[in-house]
Amino acid sequence: MGVRVETVFLNDLRFKPCQECAGCDETGICVLNDDLRGIYKKLTSYERIILSSPIFFGSISAQLKMMIDRCQSLWAARYLLGKKIKAAKKRKGVFISTAGRDDDAGFENARQIVNIFFTILDMEYNDELFVAGMNKMQPSSPKTKAALKEAFLLGASLVKT
């Protein structure tokens, strides 16, 4: 569709959790120097972001939560220092998540965390796709194929808006 897509796997990055040291309160820049340094620029410059995570015990994965917590520096930049994220057009985010359980009970907490994160990034929580019952789904099952198609269409719609 004429857009550049970049995939970031948090497991491929080496980074520490937020220390809540308040080192970013004066500058809006995290004092920890690790692989998240490059991620901050992407989070503040990209116009569209799709976050994805499986549900673990009613929440997002530890890796995603750790990255979000490390964005305390972006919160400090926006809310303590009044720095705005400049964008050519309205920034939008989508959340895609899967769960082993057959019901949607685990998604609500994850939705709230991601919604707050998108707000801090000055992004509209544009849409979501939640797929429950993954423990019983086979890769070639009709439900799996339908979910993959829906995820593709969700990404395509994000590009069009």
Protein backbone atom coordinates (compact mmCIF):
# COMPACT_ATOMS: atom_id res chain seq x y z
CA MET A 1 0.00 0.00 0.00
CA GLY A 2 3.02 2.26 -0.44
CA VAL A 3 4.02 2.55 3.22
CA ARG A 4 7.16 1.46 4.98
CA VAL A 5 6.55 -1.09 7.72
CA GLU A 6 9.01 -1.85 10.47
CA THR A 7 8.63 -4.70 12.92
CA VAL A 8 10.30 -4.51 16.32
CA PHE A 9 10.56 -7.62 18.47
CA LEU A 10 11.13 -6.60 22.06
CA ASN A 11 12.78 -9.96 22.76
CA ASP A 12 15.56 -8.94 20.36
CA LEU A 13 16.37 -5.83 22.41
CA ARG A 14 18.44 -5.57 25.54
CA PHE A 15 16.92 -3.13 28.01
CA LYS A 16 16.33 -2.72 31.71
CA PRO A 17 13.06 -1.91 33.46
CA CYS A 18 12.30 1.61 34.64
CA GLN A 19 14.00 2.36 37.95
CA GLU A 20 11.57 5.18 38.84
CA CYS A 21 14.67 7.23 39.61
CA ALA A 22 13.13 10.51 38.33
CA GLY A 23 16.23 11.01 36.22
CA CYS A 24 14.04 11.94 33.26
CA ASP A 25 11.95 14.53 35.10
CA GLU A 26 14.25 17.44 34.23
CA THR A 27 15.03 16.48 30.63
CA GLY A 28 12.39 14.05 29.37
CA ILE A 29 15.23 11.69 28.49
CA CYS A 30 15.72 8.34 30.19
CA VAL A 31 19.06 8.07 31.97
CA LEU A 32 19.39 4.38 31.11
CA ASN A 33 21.47 3.88 27.98
CA ASP A 34 20.36 0.70 26.26
CA ASP A 35 18.45 -0.53 23.19
CA LEU A 36 15.34 1.49 24.02
CA ARG A 37 17.15 4.70 23.03
CA GLY A 38 16.34 3.95 19.39
CA ILE A 39 12.75 2.96 20.18
CA TYR A 40 11.84 6.30 21.76
CA LYS A 41 12.39 8.14 18.48
CA LYS A 42 10.20 5.65 16.62
CA LEU A 43 7.43 5.95 19.20
CA THR A 44 7.41 9.73 18.94
CA SER A 45 7.84 10.08 15.19
CA TYR A 46 5.79 7.32 13.57
CA GLU A 47 2.26 8.29 12.57
CA ARG A 48 0.87 4.77 12.95
CA ILE A 49 1.77 2.11 15.49
CA ILE A 50 0.43 -1.39 15.95
CA LEU A 51 1.18 -2.95 19.32
CA SER A 52 0.66 -6.65 19.79
CA SER A 53 0.92 -8.87 22.80
CA PRO A 54 -0.46 -12.14 24.09
CA ILE A 55 -2.38 -11.99 27.34
CA PHE A 56 -0.64 -13.32 30.43
CA PHE A 57 -2.69 -13.45 33.64
CA GLY A 58 -5.06 -10.76 32.39
CA SER A 59 -2.44 -8.33 31.13
CA ILE A 60 0.08 -7.62 28.40
CA SER A 61 3.38 -9.48 28.22
CA ALA A 62 6.20 -8.55 30.59
CA GLN A 63 8.29 -7.36 27.65
CA LEU A 64 5.66 -4.89 26.43
CA LYS A 65 4.88 -3.70 29.95
CA MET A 66 8.57 -3.13 30.61
CA MET A 67 8.89 -1.06 27.44
CA ILE A 68 5.78 0.96 28.31
CA ASP A 69 7.07 1.58 31.83
CA ARG A 70 10.37 2.79 30.39
CA CYS A 71 8.40 5.40 28.47
CA GLN A 72 8.08 7.26 31.76
CA SER A 73 10.58 9.65 30.15
CA LEU A 74 8.08 10.39 27.37
CA TRP A 75 5.42 11.00 30.03
CA ALA A 76 7.80 13.38 31.82
CA ALA A 77 8.56 15.20 28.56
CA ARG A 78 4.88 15.69 27.82
CA TYR A 79 3.33 16.30 31.23
CA LEU A 80 6.16 17.75 33.31
CA LEU A 81 8.04 19.66 30.64
CA GLY A 82 5.17 20.48 28.27
CA LYS A 83 6.90 19.09 25.17
CA LYS A 84 4.45 18.20 22.43
CA ILE A 85 4.87 15.48 19.84
CA LYS A 86 4.83 17.14 16.44
CA ALA A 87 3.22 15.15 13.65
CA ALA A 88 2.18 15.91 10.08
CA LYS A 89 -1.16 14.23 10.66
CA LYS A 90 -3.13 12.73 13.52
CA ARG A 91 -1.24 9.81 15.00
CA LYS A 92 -3.14 6.54 15.45
CA GLY A 93 -2.50 3.30 17.25
CA VAL A 94 -3.96 -0.19 17.04
CA PHE A 95 -3.72 -3.00 19.56
CA ILE A 96 -3.79 -6.68 18.57
CA SER A 97 -3.87 -9.32 21.27
CA THR A 98 -4.43 -13.04 21.71
CA ALA A 99 -5.41 -15.13 24.69
CA GLY A 100 -5.58 -18.81 25.44
CA ARG A 101 -8.88 -18.51 27.30
CA ASP A 102 -12.12 -18.90 25.40
CA ASP A 103 -13.57 -15.62 26.65
CA ASP A 104 -12.56 -11.96 26.47
CA ALA A 105 -12.02 -11.54 30.21
CA GLY A 106 -8.28 -11.00 29.93
CA PHE A 107 -8.37 -8.22 27.38
CA GLU A 108 -9.87 -5.34 29.41
CA ASN A 109 -6.82 -4.65 31.57
CA ALA A 110 -4.53 -4.86 28.56
CA ARG A 111 -6.78 -2.45 26.63
CA GLN A 112 -6.58 0.08 29.46
CA ILE A 113 -2.78 -0.08 29.65
CA VAL A 114 -2.39 0.34 25.88
CA ASN A 115 -4.97 3.14 25.78
CA ILE A 116 -3.05 5.07 28.45
CA PHE A 117 0.20 4.44 26.57
CA PHE A 118 -1.25 5.75 23.31
CA THR A 119 -2.56 8.83 25.16
CA ILE A 120 0.93 9.58 26.46
CA LEU A 121 2.22 9.24 22.88
CA ASP A 122 -0.51 11.65 21.72
CA MET A 123 -2.06 8.91 19.61
CA GLU A 124 -5.68 8.03 19.08
CA TYR A 125 -6.53 4.47 20.16
CA ASN A 126 -7.94 3.78 16.73
CA ASP A 127 -8.90 0.12 16.78
CA GLU A 128 -8.21 -3.30 18.23
CA LEU A 129 -8.36 -6.98 17.45
CA PHE A 130 -8.72 -9.51 20.24
CA VAL A 131 -8.59 -13.23 19.50
CA ALA A 132 -9.53 -15.54 22.36
CA GLY A 133 -9.34 -19.33 22.47
CA MET A 134 -5.84 -19.63 21.04
CA ASN A 135 -5.11 -22.74 23.12
CA LYS A 136 -7.60 -24.68 21.03
CA MET A 137 -6.77 -23.18 17.62
CA GLN A 138 -4.62 -24.93 15.05
CA PRO A 139 -2.53 -22.85 12.59
CA SER A 140 -4.57 -24.05 9.63
CA SER A 141 -8.01 -23.80 11.27
CA PRO A 142 -10.68 -21.54 9.75
CA LYS A 143 -10.72 -19.43 12.93
CA THR A 144 -6.96 -18.87 12.71
CA LYS A 145 -7.16 -17.95 9.03
CA ALA A 146 -10.06 -15.58 9.72
CA ALA A 147 -8.12 -13.88 12.54
CA LEU A 148 -5.07 -13.43 10.31
CA LYS A 149 -7.21 -11.94 7.56
CA GLU A 150 -8.86 -9.60 10.07
CA ALA A 151 -5.43 -8.51 11.34
CA PHE A 152 -4.31 -7.77 7.78
CA LEU A 153 -7.44 -5.75 7.07
CA LEU A 154 -7.00 -3.86 10.33
CA GLY A 155 -3.48 -2.88 9.33
CA ALA A 156 -4.65 -1.88 5.86
CA SER A 157 -7.41 0.29 7.29
CA LEU A 158 -4.91 2.01 9.56
CA VAL A 159 -2.85 3.00 6.55
CA LYS A 160 -5.88 4.41 4.71
CA THR A 161 -6.96 6.68 7.57
